[in-house]
Amino acid sequence: MKRREFMALIGGAAVGWPLATRAQQSIPAIGYLGATALDDYTTPQIDAFRQGLKESDLVEERDLTILFQWADGHYDRLPALATELVSRNVSVIFASSLPSALAAKQVTSTVPIVFVMGADPVKLGVVASLNRPGGNVTGMYQYYGALGGKRLELIRELVPSLAVLAVLSNPNNPNAEDHLDDIRSAARASGQQVDVFRASNEQTSMRHSLSSPDAASTRC
């Protein structure tokens, strides 16, 4: 989605507000639904988000407000956080990832949802198709989620003596298996030993070894 289309969506949603709602909140609000936490990784993304608004002559606190909700990596919290944004009469929900988009879609069929993700939104049921997403959901698909095999190839080129490669995967991410499937195929083709560590938090992890092409198909 182009930036001007995103901004038009925000403006159009604001125009369609009931008068009573606009009396309570004089400027439209964007709900930002983050699956992770506000940290050193997400802060640059927030800065870029705000910069994009400024470049479209939309100034925070003058033309709109941004309401942030962070799940801190606990995906099960996302539906409640999305519900909270809907209850606060946001004009648009910006979903910063696949889990955020799925949660927002689960709780509202009327508030526009704009997503950014590396997963395939059609395959995972976020939209009906890329050219006609349908419903109240649209956004941008970055495609990097399907590049696990290429990453493995690049790492092997950078470190020719590589013996074992560790992959950290979050099993709660709906796209986790697609990521791993791509790596499985590349590991089989190259004979590379890959150990997959599945962890959804700092306390738990499960290790699955892809020590051979056969193991890659049966143990991960």
N, C-alpha and C. Protein backbone atom coordinates (compact mmCIF):
# COMPACT_ATOMS: atom_id res chain seq x y z
N MET A 1 0.84 -1.19 0.00
CA MET A 1 0.00 0.00 0.00
C MET A 1 0.87 1.24 0.00
N LYS A 2 0.57 2.21 -0.88
CA LYS A 2 1.32 3.44 -0.92
C LYS A 2 0.95 4.34 0.25
N ARG A 3 1.91 5.19 0.64
CA ARG A 3 1.70 6.03 1.81
C ARG A 3 0.47 6.91 1.65
N ARG A 4 0.28 7.48 0.46
CA ARG A 4 -0.87 8.38 0.27
C ARG A 4 -2.19 7.64 0.45
N GLU A 5 -2.21 6.34 0.06
CA GLU A 5 -3.43 5.56 0.24
C GLU A 5 -3.69 5.31 1.72
N PHE A 6 -2.62 5.06 2.48
CA PHE A 6 -2.75 4.85 3.91
C PHE A 6 -3.30 6.10 4.58
N MET A 7 -2.76 7.27 4.20
CA MET A 7 -3.21 8.51 4.81
C MET A 7 -4.66 8.83 4.40
N ALA A 8 -5.01 8.49 3.18
CA ALA A 8 -6.38 8.72 2.74
C ALA A 8 -7.34 7.84 3.53
N LEU A 9 -6.88 6.63 3.86
CA LEU A 9 -7.70 5.73 4.65
C LEU A 9 -7.96 6.31 6.04
N ILE A 10 -6.92 6.88 6.64
CA ILE A 10 -7.06 7.50 7.96
C ILE A 10 -8.04 8.67 7.89
N GLY A 11 -7.83 9.53 6.89
CA GLY A 11 -8.70 10.69 6.76
C GLY A 11 -10.14 10.31 6.49
N GLY A 12 -10.33 9.31 5.63
CA GLY A 12 -11.68 8.88 5.31
C GLY A 12 -12.39 8.28 6.51
N ALA A 13 -11.65 7.54 7.31
CA ALA A 13 -12.26 6.96 8.51
C ALA A 13 -12.67 8.05 9.48
N ALA A 14 -11.86 9.09 9.58
CA ALA A 14 -12.18 10.18 10.50
C ALA A 14 -13.44 10.92 10.06
N VAL A 15 -13.59 11.12 8.74
CA VAL A 15 -14.77 11.81 8.23
C VAL A 15 -16.03 11.03 8.54
N GLY A 16 -15.91 9.69 8.54
CA GLY A 16 -17.07 8.85 8.76
C GLY A 16 -17.46 8.68 10.21
N TRP A 17 -16.72 9.27 11.14
CA TRP A 17 -17.06 9.14 12.56
C TRP A 17 -18.41 9.77 12.88
N PRO A 18 -19.16 9.19 13.81
CA PRO A 18 -20.36 9.85 14.32
C PRO A 18 -19.98 11.15 15.01
N LEU A 19 -20.90 12.11 14.99
CA LEU A 19 -20.63 13.41 15.60
C LEU A 19 -20.33 13.29 17.08
N ALA A 20 -21.03 12.38 17.77
CA ALA A 20 -20.81 12.23 19.21
C ALA A 20 -19.39 11.78 19.50
N THR A 21 -18.88 10.88 18.66
CA THR A 21 -17.52 10.40 18.86
C THR A 21 -16.53 11.53 18.64
N ARG A 22 -16.74 12.33 17.58
CA ARG A 22 -15.81 13.42 17.30
C ARG A 22 -15.86 14.49 18.38
N ALA A 23 -16.99 14.60 19.05
CA ALA A 23 -17.07 15.57 20.13
C ALA A 23 -16.20 15.14 21.30
N GLN A 24 -16.10 13.82 21.50
CA GLN A 24 -15.28 13.32 22.60
C GLN A 24 -13.80 13.37 22.26
N GLN A 25 -13.46 13.19 21.01
CA GLN A 25 -12.06 13.17 20.60
C GLN A 25 -11.95 14.00 19.33
N SER A 26 -11.29 15.14 19.43
CA SER A 26 -11.33 16.12 18.36
C SER A 26 -10.49 15.73 17.15
N ILE A 27 -9.51 14.88 17.33
CA ILE A 27 -8.69 14.46 16.21
C ILE A 27 -8.69 12.94 16.13
N PRO A 28 -8.53 12.38 14.93
CA PRO A 28 -8.56 10.92 14.79
C PRO A 28 -7.38 10.26 15.48
N ALA A 29 -7.54 8.99 15.80
CA ALA A 29 -6.49 8.23 16.46
C ALA A 29 -6.13 7.00 15.63
N ILE A 30 -4.84 6.72 15.55
CA ILE A 30 -4.34 5.50 14.96
C ILE A 30 -3.99 4.54 16.08
N GLY A 31 -4.48 3.32 16.02
CA GLY A 31 -4.09 2.31 17.00
C GLY A 31 -2.91 1.53 16.47
N TYR A 32 -1.82 1.53 17.22
CA TYR A 32 -0.61 0.80 16.82
C TYR A 32 -0.54 -0.47 17.65
N LEU A 33 -0.70 -1.62 17.02
CA LEU A 33 -0.73 -2.90 17.71
C LEU A 33 0.59 -3.63 17.48
N GLY A 34 1.42 -3.68 18.52
CA GLY A 34 2.72 -4.30 18.42
C GLY A 34 2.77 -5.63 19.14
N ALA A 35 3.30 -6.65 18.48
CA ALA A 35 3.36 -7.98 19.09
C ALA A 35 4.54 -8.12 20.05
N THR A 36 5.54 -7.27 19.90
CA THR A 36 6.72 -7.35 20.74
C THR A 36 6.66 -6.25 21.80
N ALA A 37 7.80 -5.62 22.09
CA ALA A 37 7.86 -4.57 23.10
C ALA A 37 8.51 -3.34 22.48
N LEU A 38 8.35 -2.21 23.13
CA LEU A 38 9.04 -1.00 22.71
C LEU A 38 10.47 -1.10 23.23
N ASP A 39 11.41 -1.34 22.32
CA ASP A 39 12.80 -1.54 22.72
C ASP A 39 13.72 -0.99 21.63
N ASP A 40 14.99 -1.35 21.69
CA ASP A 40 15.97 -0.82 20.73
C ASP A 40 15.67 -1.27 19.31
N TYR A 41 14.95 -2.40 19.16
CA TYR A 41 14.61 -2.88 17.83
C TYR A 41 13.41 -2.15 17.25
N THR A 42 12.39 -1.94 18.07
CA THR A 42 11.16 -1.34 17.56
C THR A 42 11.19 0.19 17.55
N THR A 43 12.04 0.81 18.37
CA THR A 43 12.09 2.28 18.40
C THR A 43 12.37 2.88 17.03
N PRO A 44 13.36 2.38 16.25
CA PRO A 44 13.56 2.94 14.90
C PRO A 44 12.33 2.78 14.00
N GLN A 45 11.58 1.70 14.19
CA GLN A 45 10.37 1.51 13.39
C GLN A 45 9.32 2.56 13.74
N ILE A 46 9.20 2.85 15.03
CA ILE A 46 8.26 3.89 15.45
C ILE A 46 8.70 5.24 14.90
N ASP A 47 9.99 5.51 14.95
CA ASP A 47 10.51 6.78 14.42
C ASP A 47 10.19 6.90 12.93
N ALA A 48 10.38 5.82 12.18
CA ALA A 48 10.08 5.83 10.75
C ALA A 48 8.59 6.00 10.50
N PHE A 49 7.77 5.38 11.34
CA PHE A 49 6.31 5.51 11.23
C PHE A 49 5.91 6.97 11.40
N ARG A 50 6.44 7.61 12.42
CA ARG A 50 6.12 9.02 12.65
C ARG A 50 6.66 9.91 11.53
N GLN A 51 7.85 9.57 11.02
CA GLN A 51 8.42 10.36 9.94
C GLN A 51 7.56 10.26 8.68
N GLY A 52 7.04 9.08 8.41
CA GLY A 52 6.15 8.91 7.26
C GLY A 52 4.90 9.76 7.38
N LEU A 53 4.37 9.87 8.59
CA LEU A 53 3.21 10.73 8.80
C LEU A 53 3.56 12.19 8.54
N LYS A 54 4.73 12.61 9.03
CA LYS A 54 5.16 14.00 8.84
C LYS A 54 5.34 14.32 7.36
N GLU A 55 5.90 13.39 6.62
CA GLU A 55 6.11 13.60 5.19
C GLU A 55 4.80 13.75 4.44
N SER A 56 3.73 13.25 5.01
CA SER A 56 2.40 13.41 4.42
C SER A 56 1.64 14.55 5.09
N ASP A 57 2.38 15.42 5.79
CA ASP A 57 1.82 16.60 6.45
C ASP A 57 0.78 16.22 7.49
N LEU A 58 1.02 15.14 8.17
CA LEU A 58 0.17 14.73 9.29
C LEU A 58 1.04 14.78 10.55
N VAL A 59 0.74 15.73 11.41
CA VAL A 59 1.55 15.97 12.59
C VAL A 59 0.85 15.39 13.81
N GLU A 60 1.60 14.58 14.55
CA GLU A 60 1.05 13.98 15.76
C GLU A 60 0.66 15.05 16.77
N GLU A 61 -0.49 14.85 17.38
CA GLU A 61 -1.10 15.76 18.35
C GLU A 61 -1.75 16.99 17.71
N ARG A 62 -1.45 17.24 16.45
CA ARG A 62 -2.16 18.31 15.74
C ARG A 62 -3.24 17.71 14.84
N ASP A 63 -2.87 16.71 14.07
CA ASP A 63 -3.80 16.09 13.12
C ASP A 63 -4.31 14.73 13.59
N LEU A 64 -3.57 14.09 14.47
CA LEU A 64 -3.94 12.76 14.91
C LEU A 64 -3.19 12.41 16.18
N THR A 65 -3.64 11.35 16.82
CA THR A 65 -2.92 10.78 17.95
C THR A 65 -2.60 9.32 17.62
N ILE A 66 -1.57 8.79 18.27
CA ILE A 66 -1.20 7.39 18.11
C ILE A 66 -1.34 6.70 19.46
N LEU A 67 -2.16 5.67 19.49
CA LEU A 67 -2.37 4.89 20.71
C LEU A 67 -1.62 3.57 20.58
N PHE A 68 -0.63 3.37 21.41
CA PHE A 68 0.22 2.18 21.31
C PHE A 68 -0.26 1.09 22.26
N GLN A 69 -0.25 -0.14 21.75
CA GLN A 69 -0.50 -1.32 22.57
C GLN A 69 0.60 -2.34 22.26
N TRP A 70 1.30 -2.80 23.30
CA TRP A 70 2.41 -3.74 23.13
C TRP A 70 2.12 -5.04 23.86
N ALA A 71 2.31 -6.16 23.16
CA ALA A 71 2.06 -7.47 23.75
C ALA A 71 3.30 -8.05 24.43
N ASP A 72 4.44 -7.41 24.26
CA ASP A 72 5.70 -7.87 24.91
C ASP A 72 6.01 -9.32 24.58
N GLY A 73 5.70 -9.73 23.36
CA GLY A 73 5.99 -11.09 22.92
C GLY A 73 4.96 -12.13 23.34
N HIS A 74 3.94 -11.74 24.07
CA HIS A 74 2.88 -12.66 24.49
C HIS A 74 1.72 -12.53 23.50
N TYR A 75 1.73 -13.35 22.48
CA TYR A 75 0.75 -13.23 21.40
C TYR A 75 -0.68 -13.42 21.89
N ASP A 76 -0.85 -14.19 22.98
CA ASP A 76 -2.19 -14.42 23.48
C ASP A 76 -2.84 -13.15 24.02
N ARG A 77 -2.04 -12.12 24.26
CA ARG A 77 -2.59 -10.85 24.75
C ARG A 77 -3.12 -9.97 23.61
N LEU A 78 -2.75 -10.28 22.39
CA LEU A 78 -3.06 -9.39 21.27
C LEU A 78 -4.56 -9.17 21.05
N PRO A 79 -5.41 -10.20 21.10
CA PRO A 79 -6.84 -9.93 20.90
C PRO A 79 -7.41 -8.93 21.90
N ALA A 80 -7.02 -9.05 23.17
CA ALA A 80 -7.51 -8.10 24.18
C ALA A 80 -6.99 -6.70 23.91
N LEU A 81 -5.74 -6.59 23.47
CA LEU A 81 -5.17 -5.28 23.17
C LEU A 81 -5.86 -4.66 21.95
N ALA A 82 -6.16 -5.50 20.96
CA ALA A 82 -6.88 -5.00 19.78
C ALA A 82 -8.29 -4.55 20.16
N THR A 83 -8.94 -5.31 21.03
CA THR A 83 -10.27 -4.94 21.51
C THR A 83 -10.23 -3.60 22.24
N GLU A 84 -9.17 -3.38 23.01
CA GLU A 84 -9.01 -2.11 23.72
C GLU A 84 -8.91 -0.95 22.73
N LEU A 85 -8.18 -1.14 21.64
CA LEU A 85 -8.06 -0.08 20.63
C LEU A 85 -9.41 0.20 19.99
N VAL A 86 -10.16 -0.85 19.68
CA VAL A 86 -11.48 -0.66 19.08
C VAL A 86 -12.39 0.10 20.03
N SER A 87 -12.33 -0.22 21.32
CA SER A 87 -13.18 0.45 22.30
C SER A 87 -12.82 1.92 22.45
N ARG A 88 -11.61 2.28 22.05
CA ARG A 88 -11.18 3.68 22.15
C ARG A 88 -11.43 4.44 20.85
N ASN A 89 -12.21 3.83 19.96
CA ASN A 89 -12.68 4.49 18.73
C ASN A 89 -11.55 4.94 17.82
N VAL A 90 -10.56 4.08 17.64
CA VAL A 90 -9.50 4.43 16.70
C VAL A 90 -10.05 4.42 15.28
N SER A 91 -9.47 5.25 14.43
CA SER A 91 -9.89 5.30 13.03
C SER A 91 -9.31 4.15 12.23
N VAL A 92 -8.08 3.76 12.57
CA VAL A 92 -7.36 2.73 11.85
C VAL A 92 -6.52 1.96 12.87
N ILE A 93 -6.36 0.66 12.66
CA ILE A 93 -5.40 -0.12 13.44
C ILE A 93 -4.22 -0.45 12.54
N PHE A 94 -3.03 -0.08 12.97
CA PHE A 94 -1.82 -0.48 12.26
C PHE A 94 -1.27 -1.72 12.95
N ALA A 95 -1.21 -2.82 12.22
CA ALA A 95 -0.71 -4.09 12.75
C ALA A 95 0.72 -4.27 12.27
N SER A 96 1.66 -4.31 13.21
CA SER A 96 3.07 -4.30 12.85
C SER A 96 3.63 -5.67 12.50
N SER A 97 2.81 -6.71 12.54
CA SER A 97 3.30 -8.06 12.26
C SER A 97 2.13 -8.97 11.94
N LEU A 98 2.44 -10.19 11.54
CA LEU A 98 1.40 -11.19 11.27
C LEU A 98 0.53 -11.47 12.50
N PRO A 99 1.11 -11.76 13.68
CA PRO A 99 0.25 -12.02 14.84
C PRO A 99 -0.66 -10.84 15.17
N SER A 100 -0.15 -9.63 15.02
CA SER A 100 -0.97 -8.44 15.29
C SER A 100 -2.13 -8.35 14.31
N ALA A 101 -1.86 -8.61 13.04
CA ALA A 101 -2.90 -8.52 12.01
C ALA A 101 -3.99 -9.56 12.25
N LEU A 102 -3.60 -10.79 12.58
CA LEU A 102 -4.58 -11.84 12.83
C LEU A 102 -5.45 -11.49 14.04
N ALA A 103 -4.83 -10.94 15.08
CA ALA A 103 -5.59 -10.58 16.28
C ALA A 103 -6.57 -9.46 15.99
N ALA A 104 -6.12 -8.44 15.26
CA ALA A 104 -7.00 -7.31 14.93
C ALA A 104 -8.16 -7.76 14.06
N LYS A 105 -7.88 -8.62 13.09
CA LYS A 105 -8.94 -9.11 12.23
C LYS A 105 -9.95 -9.93 13.02
N GLN A 106 -9.47 -10.61 14.05
CA GLN A 106 -10.35 -11.45 14.87
C GLN A 106 -11.38 -10.62 15.63
N VAL A 107 -11.02 -9.39 16.03
CA VAL A 107 -11.89 -8.63 16.93
C VAL A 107 -12.73 -7.56 16.23
N THR A 108 -12.41 -7.22 14.97
CA THR A 108 -13.21 -6.20 14.30
C THR A 108 -13.30 -6.46 12.81
N SER A 109 -14.49 -6.25 12.27
CA SER A 109 -14.70 -6.35 10.83
C SER A 109 -15.06 -5.00 10.24
N THR A 110 -15.00 -3.95 11.06
CA THR A 110 -15.39 -2.62 10.61
C THR A 110 -14.25 -1.60 10.66
N VAL A 111 -13.40 -1.65 11.69
CA VAL A 111 -12.29 -0.71 11.77
C VAL A 111 -11.24 -1.10 10.74
N PRO A 112 -10.80 -0.19 9.87
CA PRO A 112 -9.77 -0.53 8.89
C PRO A 112 -8.48 -0.99 9.57
N ILE A 113 -7.86 -2.03 9.02
CA ILE A 113 -6.61 -2.58 9.53
C ILE A 113 -5.57 -2.51 8.42
N VAL A 114 -4.42 -1.92 8.73
CA VAL A 114 -3.31 -1.83 7.79
C VAL A 114 -2.14 -2.59 8.40
N PHE A 115 -1.59 -3.57 7.68
CA PHE A 115 -0.53 -4.40 8.23
C PHE A 115 0.77 -4.24 7.46
N VAL A 116 1.86 -4.60 8.12
CA VAL A 116 3.17 -4.84 7.50
C VAL A 116 3.65 -6.17 8.02
N MET A 117 4.02 -7.09 7.12
CA MET A 117 4.47 -8.41 7.56
C MET A 117 5.38 -9.04 6.53
N GLY A 118 6.13 -10.03 6.97
CA GLY A 118 6.98 -10.78 6.07
C GLY A 118 6.35 -12.10 5.65
N ALA A 119 5.23 -12.45 6.26
CA ALA A 119 4.52 -13.69 5.93
C ALA A 119 3.58 -13.48 4.75
N ASP A 120 3.16 -14.58 4.15
CA ASP A 120 2.22 -14.53 3.03
C ASP A 120 0.82 -14.29 3.60
N PRO A 121 0.22 -13.10 3.40
CA PRO A 121 -1.07 -12.80 4.01
C PRO A 121 -2.22 -13.59 3.41
N VAL A 122 -2.07 -14.06 2.19
CA VAL A 122 -3.13 -14.86 1.56
C VAL A 122 -3.11 -16.27 2.14
N LYS A 123 -1.95 -16.88 2.16
CA LYS A 123 -1.80 -18.25 2.66
C LYS A 123 -2.27 -18.37 4.10
N LEU A 124 -2.02 -17.32 4.90
CA LEU A 124 -2.34 -17.37 6.31
C LEU A 124 -3.69 -16.75 6.65
N GLY A 125 -4.48 -16.43 5.63
CA GLY A 125 -5.86 -16.04 5.85
C GLY A 125 -6.09 -14.61 6.30
N VAL A 126 -5.09 -13.75 6.13
CA VAL A 126 -5.27 -12.35 6.52
C VAL A 126 -6.10 -11.61 5.48
N VAL A 127 -5.84 -11.86 4.20
CA VAL A 127 -6.60 -11.24 3.12
C VAL A 127 -6.99 -12.30 2.11
N ALA A 128 -7.97 -11.96 1.27
CA ALA A 128 -8.45 -12.91 0.27
C ALA A 128 -7.46 -13.08 -0.87
N SER A 129 -6.86 -11.99 -1.32
CA SER A 129 -5.87 -12.04 -2.39
C SER A 129 -5.02 -10.78 -2.31
N LEU A 130 -3.90 -10.77 -3.03
CA LEU A 130 -3.01 -9.61 -2.98
C LEU A 130 -3.59 -8.41 -3.73
N ASN A 131 -4.24 -8.65 -4.86
CA ASN A 131 -4.76 -7.53 -5.63
C ASN A 131 -6.17 -7.11 -5.18
N ARG A 132 -6.90 -8.03 -4.52
CA ARG A 132 -8.22 -7.69 -3.99
C ARG A 132 -8.32 -8.25 -2.57
N PRO A 133 -7.73 -7.53 -1.61
CA PRO A 133 -7.69 -8.08 -0.24
C PRO A 133 -9.05 -8.27 0.38
N GLY A 134 -10.02 -7.41 0.05
CA GLY A 134 -11.37 -7.56 0.57
C GLY A 134 -11.48 -7.20 2.04
N GLY A 135 -12.71 -7.12 2.52
CA GLY A 135 -12.95 -6.84 3.93
C GLY A 135 -12.38 -5.52 4.39
N ASN A 136 -11.91 -5.49 5.62
CA ASN A 136 -11.40 -4.25 6.22
C ASN A 136 -9.89 -4.30 6.43
N VAL A 137 -9.21 -5.25 5.75
CA VAL A 137 -7.77 -5.45 5.98
C VAL A 137 -6.99 -5.26 4.69
N THR A 138 -5.90 -4.52 4.77
CA THR A 138 -4.98 -4.37 3.65
C THR A 138 -3.60 -4.07 4.22
N GLY A 139 -2.61 -3.99 3.36
CA GLY A 139 -1.28 -3.69 3.88
C GLY A 139 -0.17 -4.03 2.92
N MET A 140 1.01 -4.30 3.48
CA MET A 140 2.20 -4.53 2.68
C MET A 140 2.87 -5.84 3.09
N TYR A 141 3.17 -6.66 2.09
CA TYR A 141 3.81 -7.96 2.28
C TYR A 141 5.25 -7.83 1.83
N GLN A 142 6.20 -7.97 2.75
CA GLN A 142 7.61 -7.74 2.44
C GLN A 142 8.33 -8.97 1.90
N TYR A 143 7.75 -10.12 2.02
CA TYR A 143 8.23 -11.37 1.41
C TYR A 143 9.49 -11.94 2.04
N TYR A 144 10.08 -11.29 3.03
CA TYR A 144 11.33 -11.84 3.57
C TYR A 144 11.11 -13.12 4.36
N GLY A 145 9.88 -13.41 4.72
CA GLY A 145 9.64 -14.64 5.47
C GLY A 145 9.95 -15.90 4.69
N ALA A 146 9.97 -15.83 3.36
CA ALA A 146 10.21 -17.01 2.54
C ALA A 146 11.66 -17.12 2.09
N LEU A 147 12.55 -16.39 2.74
CA LEU A 147 13.94 -16.34 2.30
C LEU A 147 14.88 -17.07 3.26
N GLY A 148 14.34 -17.98 4.07
CA GLY A 148 15.19 -18.71 5.00
C GLY A 148 16.29 -19.49 4.31
N GLY A 149 15.96 -20.12 3.18
CA GLY A 149 16.96 -20.88 2.44
C GLY A 149 18.07 -20.01 1.90
N LYS A 150 17.72 -18.84 1.41
CA LYS A 150 18.72 -17.92 0.89
C LYS A 150 19.63 -17.43 2.02
N ARG A 151 19.07 -17.19 3.19
CA ARG A 151 19.88 -16.78 4.33
C ARG A 151 20.89 -17.86 4.69
N LEU A 152 20.43 -19.12 4.68
CA LEU A 152 21.34 -20.23 4.96
C LEU A 152 22.47 -20.27 3.93
N GLU A 153 22.12 -20.08 2.67
CA GLU A 153 23.12 -20.07 1.61
C GLU A 153 24.15 -18.97 1.80
N LEU A 154 23.68 -17.77 2.17
CA LEU A 154 24.59 -16.64 2.37
C LEU A 154 25.51 -16.88 3.56
N ILE A 155 24.96 -17.45 4.64
CA ILE A 155 25.80 -17.74 5.80
C ILE A 155 26.90 -18.74 5.45
N ARG A 156 26.57 -19.75 4.66
CA ARG A 156 27.57 -20.74 4.25
C ARG A 156 28.65 -20.12 3.38
N GLU A 157 28.27 -19.11 2.59
CA GLU A 157 29.27 -18.42 1.78
C GLU A 157 30.19 -17.56 2.65
N LEU A 158 29.61 -16.94 3.68
CA LEU A 158 30.40 -16.08 4.56
C LEU A 158 31.30 -16.89 5.49
N VAL A 159 30.81 -18.07 5.89
CA VAL A 159 31.58 -18.93 6.80
C VAL A 159 31.70 -20.31 6.18
N PRO A 160 32.63 -20.50 5.25
CA PRO A 160 32.75 -21.79 4.55
C PRO A 160 33.01 -22.97 5.48
N SER A 161 33.63 -22.71 6.63
CA SER A 161 33.97 -23.80 7.56
C SER A 161 32.84 -24.09 8.54
N LEU A 162 31.68 -23.52 8.32
CA LEU A 162 30.56 -23.68 9.24
C LEU A 162 30.21 -25.15 9.43
N ALA A 163 30.18 -25.59 10.70
CA ALA A 163 29.83 -26.99 11.00
C ALA A 163 28.35 -27.12 11.38
N VAL A 164 27.93 -26.32 12.34
CA VAL A 164 26.54 -26.39 12.81
C VAL A 164 25.98 -24.97 12.87
N LEU A 165 24.79 -24.80 12.36
CA LEU A 165 24.11 -23.51 12.40
C LEU A 165 22.91 -23.62 13.34
N ALA A 166 22.76 -22.66 14.25
CA ALA A 166 21.62 -22.63 15.16
C ALA A 166 20.56 -21.68 14.62
N VAL A 167 19.31 -22.11 14.67
CA VAL A 167 18.17 -21.30 14.26
C VAL A 167 17.23 -21.15 15.44
N LEU A 168 16.91 -19.92 15.80
CA LEU A 168 15.98 -19.66 16.90
C LEU A 168 14.61 -19.36 16.31
N SER A 169 13.61 -20.14 16.70
CA SER A 169 12.26 -20.03 16.13
C SER A 169 11.23 -19.92 17.24
N ASN A 170 10.27 -19.03 17.05
CA ASN A 170 9.17 -18.86 18.01
C ASN A 170 7.99 -19.72 17.55
N PRO A 171 7.68 -20.80 18.25
CA PRO A 171 6.59 -21.68 17.80
C PRO A 171 5.21 -21.04 17.87
N ASN A 172 5.07 -19.95 18.61
CA ASN A 172 3.78 -19.27 18.70
C ASN A 172 3.51 -18.37 17.51
N ASN A 173 4.52 -18.11 16.70
CA ASN A 173 4.33 -17.29 15.51
C ASN A 173 3.66 -18.15 14.43
N PRO A 174 2.51 -17.73 13.90
CA PRO A 174 1.82 -18.54 12.90
C PRO A 174 2.65 -18.84 11.66
N ASN A 175 3.70 -18.06 11.44
CA ASN A 175 4.52 -18.25 10.25
C ASN A 175 5.77 -19.08 10.53
N ALA A 176 5.93 -19.57 11.75
CA ALA A 176 7.17 -20.25 12.13
C ALA A 176 7.46 -21.47 11.25
N GLU A 177 6.45 -22.30 10.99
CA GLU A 177 6.69 -23.52 10.22
C GLU A 177 7.05 -23.22 8.78
N ASP A 178 6.48 -22.18 8.21
CA ASP A 178 6.85 -21.80 6.84
C ASP A 178 8.32 -21.40 6.78
N HIS A 179 8.78 -20.64 7.78
CA HIS A 179 10.19 -20.26 7.84
C HIS A 179 11.07 -21.51 7.90
N LEU A 180 10.69 -22.43 8.78
CA LEU A 180 11.51 -23.62 8.98
C LEU A 180 11.47 -24.54 7.77
N ASP A 181 10.34 -24.62 7.07
CA ASP A 181 10.26 -25.45 5.87
C ASP A 181 11.28 -25.03 4.83
N ASP A 182 11.43 -23.72 4.69
CA ASP A 182 12.39 -23.20 3.72
C ASP A 182 13.81 -23.58 4.12
N ILE A 183 14.10 -23.49 5.42
CA ILE A 183 15.43 -23.86 5.91
C ILE A 183 15.65 -25.36 5.79
N ARG A 184 14.60 -26.15 6.05
CA ARG A 184 14.71 -27.61 5.91
C ARG A 184 15.15 -27.99 4.49
N SER A 185 14.49 -27.38 3.51
CA SER A 185 14.80 -27.71 2.12
C SER A 185 16.24 -27.36 1.78
N ALA A 186 16.69 -26.19 2.24
CA ALA A 186 18.05 -25.77 1.97
C ALA A 186 19.06 -26.66 2.69
N ALA A 187 18.72 -27.09 3.93
CA ALA A 187 19.61 -27.96 4.69
C ALA A 187 19.75 -29.32 4.00
N ARG A 188 18.65 -29.86 3.49
CA ARG A 188 18.71 -31.13 2.77
C ARG A 188 19.61 -31.02 1.54
N ALA A 189 19.43 -29.94 0.80
CA ALA A 189 20.17 -29.77 -0.45
C ALA A 189 21.67 -29.62 -0.22
N SER A 190 22.04 -28.99 0.88
CA SER A 190 23.46 -28.71 1.12
C SER A 190 24.12 -29.68 2.08
N GLY A 191 23.31 -30.49 2.79
CA GLY A 191 23.87 -31.37 3.80
C GLY A 191 24.31 -30.65 5.05
N GLN A 192 23.85 -29.43 5.22
CA GLN A 192 24.24 -28.61 6.37
C GLN A 192 23.53 -29.07 7.64
N GLN A 193 24.29 -29.19 8.74
CA GLN A 193 23.66 -29.49 10.02
C GLN A 193 23.11 -28.20 10.61
N VAL A 194 21.82 -28.23 10.93
CA VAL A 194 21.14 -27.08 11.51
C VAL A 194 20.43 -27.52 12.77
N ASP A 195 20.68 -26.85 13.89
CA ASP A 195 19.96 -27.11 15.13
C ASP A 195 18.93 -26.01 15.33
N VAL A 196 17.68 -26.41 15.42
CA VAL A 196 16.58 -25.47 15.61
C VAL A 196 16.20 -25.42 17.07
N PHE A 197 16.20 -24.24 17.64
CA PHE A 197 15.78 -24.04 19.02
C PHE A 197 14.45 -23.30 19.01
N ARG A 198 13.43 -23.94 19.53
CA ARG A 198 12.10 -23.34 19.58
C ARG A 198 11.90 -22.71 20.95
N ALA A 199 11.64 -21.42 20.97
CA ALA A 199 11.46 -20.73 22.25
C ALA A 199 10.46 -19.61 22.07
N SER A 200 9.49 -19.55 22.98
CA SER A 200 8.51 -18.47 22.95
C SER A 200 8.78 -17.43 24.03
N ASN A 201 9.72 -17.74 24.92
CA ASN A 201 10.11 -16.78 25.94
C ASN A 201 11.53 -17.11 26.41
N GLU A 202 12.02 -16.38 27.38
CA GLU A 202 13.39 -16.56 27.83
C GLU A 202 13.58 -17.82 28.67
N GLN A 203 12.51 -18.42 29.14
CA GLN A 203 12.62 -19.56 30.05
C GLN A 203 12.55 -20.92 29.36
N THR A 204 11.92 -20.98 28.17
CA THR A 204 11.67 -22.28 27.56
C THR A 204 12.29 -22.37 26.18
N SER A 205 12.80 -23.56 25.87
CA SER A 205 13.30 -23.82 24.52
C SER A 205 13.32 -25.32 24.30
N MET A 206 13.14 -25.71 23.04
CA MET A 206 13.23 -27.12 22.65
C MET A 206 14.18 -27.19 21.47
N ARG A 207 15.09 -28.14 21.51
CA ARG A 207 16.11 -28.26 20.47
C ARG A 207 15.77 -29.41 19.54
N HIS A 208 15.85 -29.13 18.24
CA HIS A 208 15.63 -30.13 17.21
C HIS A 208 16.81 -30.07 16.26
N SER A 209 17.49 -31.19 16.09
CA SER A 209 18.69 -31.20 15.27
C SER A 209 18.37 -31.62 13.85
N LEU A 210 18.91 -30.85 12.90
CA LEU A 210 18.83 -31.21 11.48
C LEU A 210 20.23 -31.65 11.06
N SER A 211 20.72 -32.74 11.60
CA SER A 211 22.11 -33.12 11.41
C SER A 211 22.36 -33.76 10.05
N SER A 212 21.30 -34.15 9.35
CA SER A 212 21.45 -34.78 8.04
C SER A 212 20.20 -34.54 7.24
N PRO A 213 20.24 -34.79 5.92
CA PRO A 213 19.01 -34.64 5.12
C PRO A 213 17.84 -35.45 5.67
N ASP A 214 18.11 -36.70 6.14
CA ASP A 214 17.03 -37.50 6.69
C ASP A 214 16.49 -36.92 7.98
N ALA A 215 17.42 -36.47 8.83
CA ALA A 215 16.99 -35.86 10.08
C ALA A 215 16.20 -34.62 9.84
N ALA A 216 16.55 -33.89 8.81
CA ALA A 216 15.85 -32.64 8.51
C ALA A 216 14.38 -32.92 8.20
N SER A 217 14.08 -34.08 7.67
CA SER A 217 12.69 -34.36 7.30
C SER A 217 11.91 -35.01 8.43
N THR A 218 12.62 -35.54 9.45
CA THR A 218 11.91 -36.30 10.46
C THR A 218 11.97 -35.72 11.87
N ARG A 219 12.97 -34.90 12.16
CA ARG A 219 13.18 -34.51 13.55
C ARG A 219 12.86 -33.05 13.82
N CYS A 220 12.53 -32.26 12.82
CA CYS A 220 12.23 -30.85 13.05
C CYS A 220 10.83 -30.55 12.58
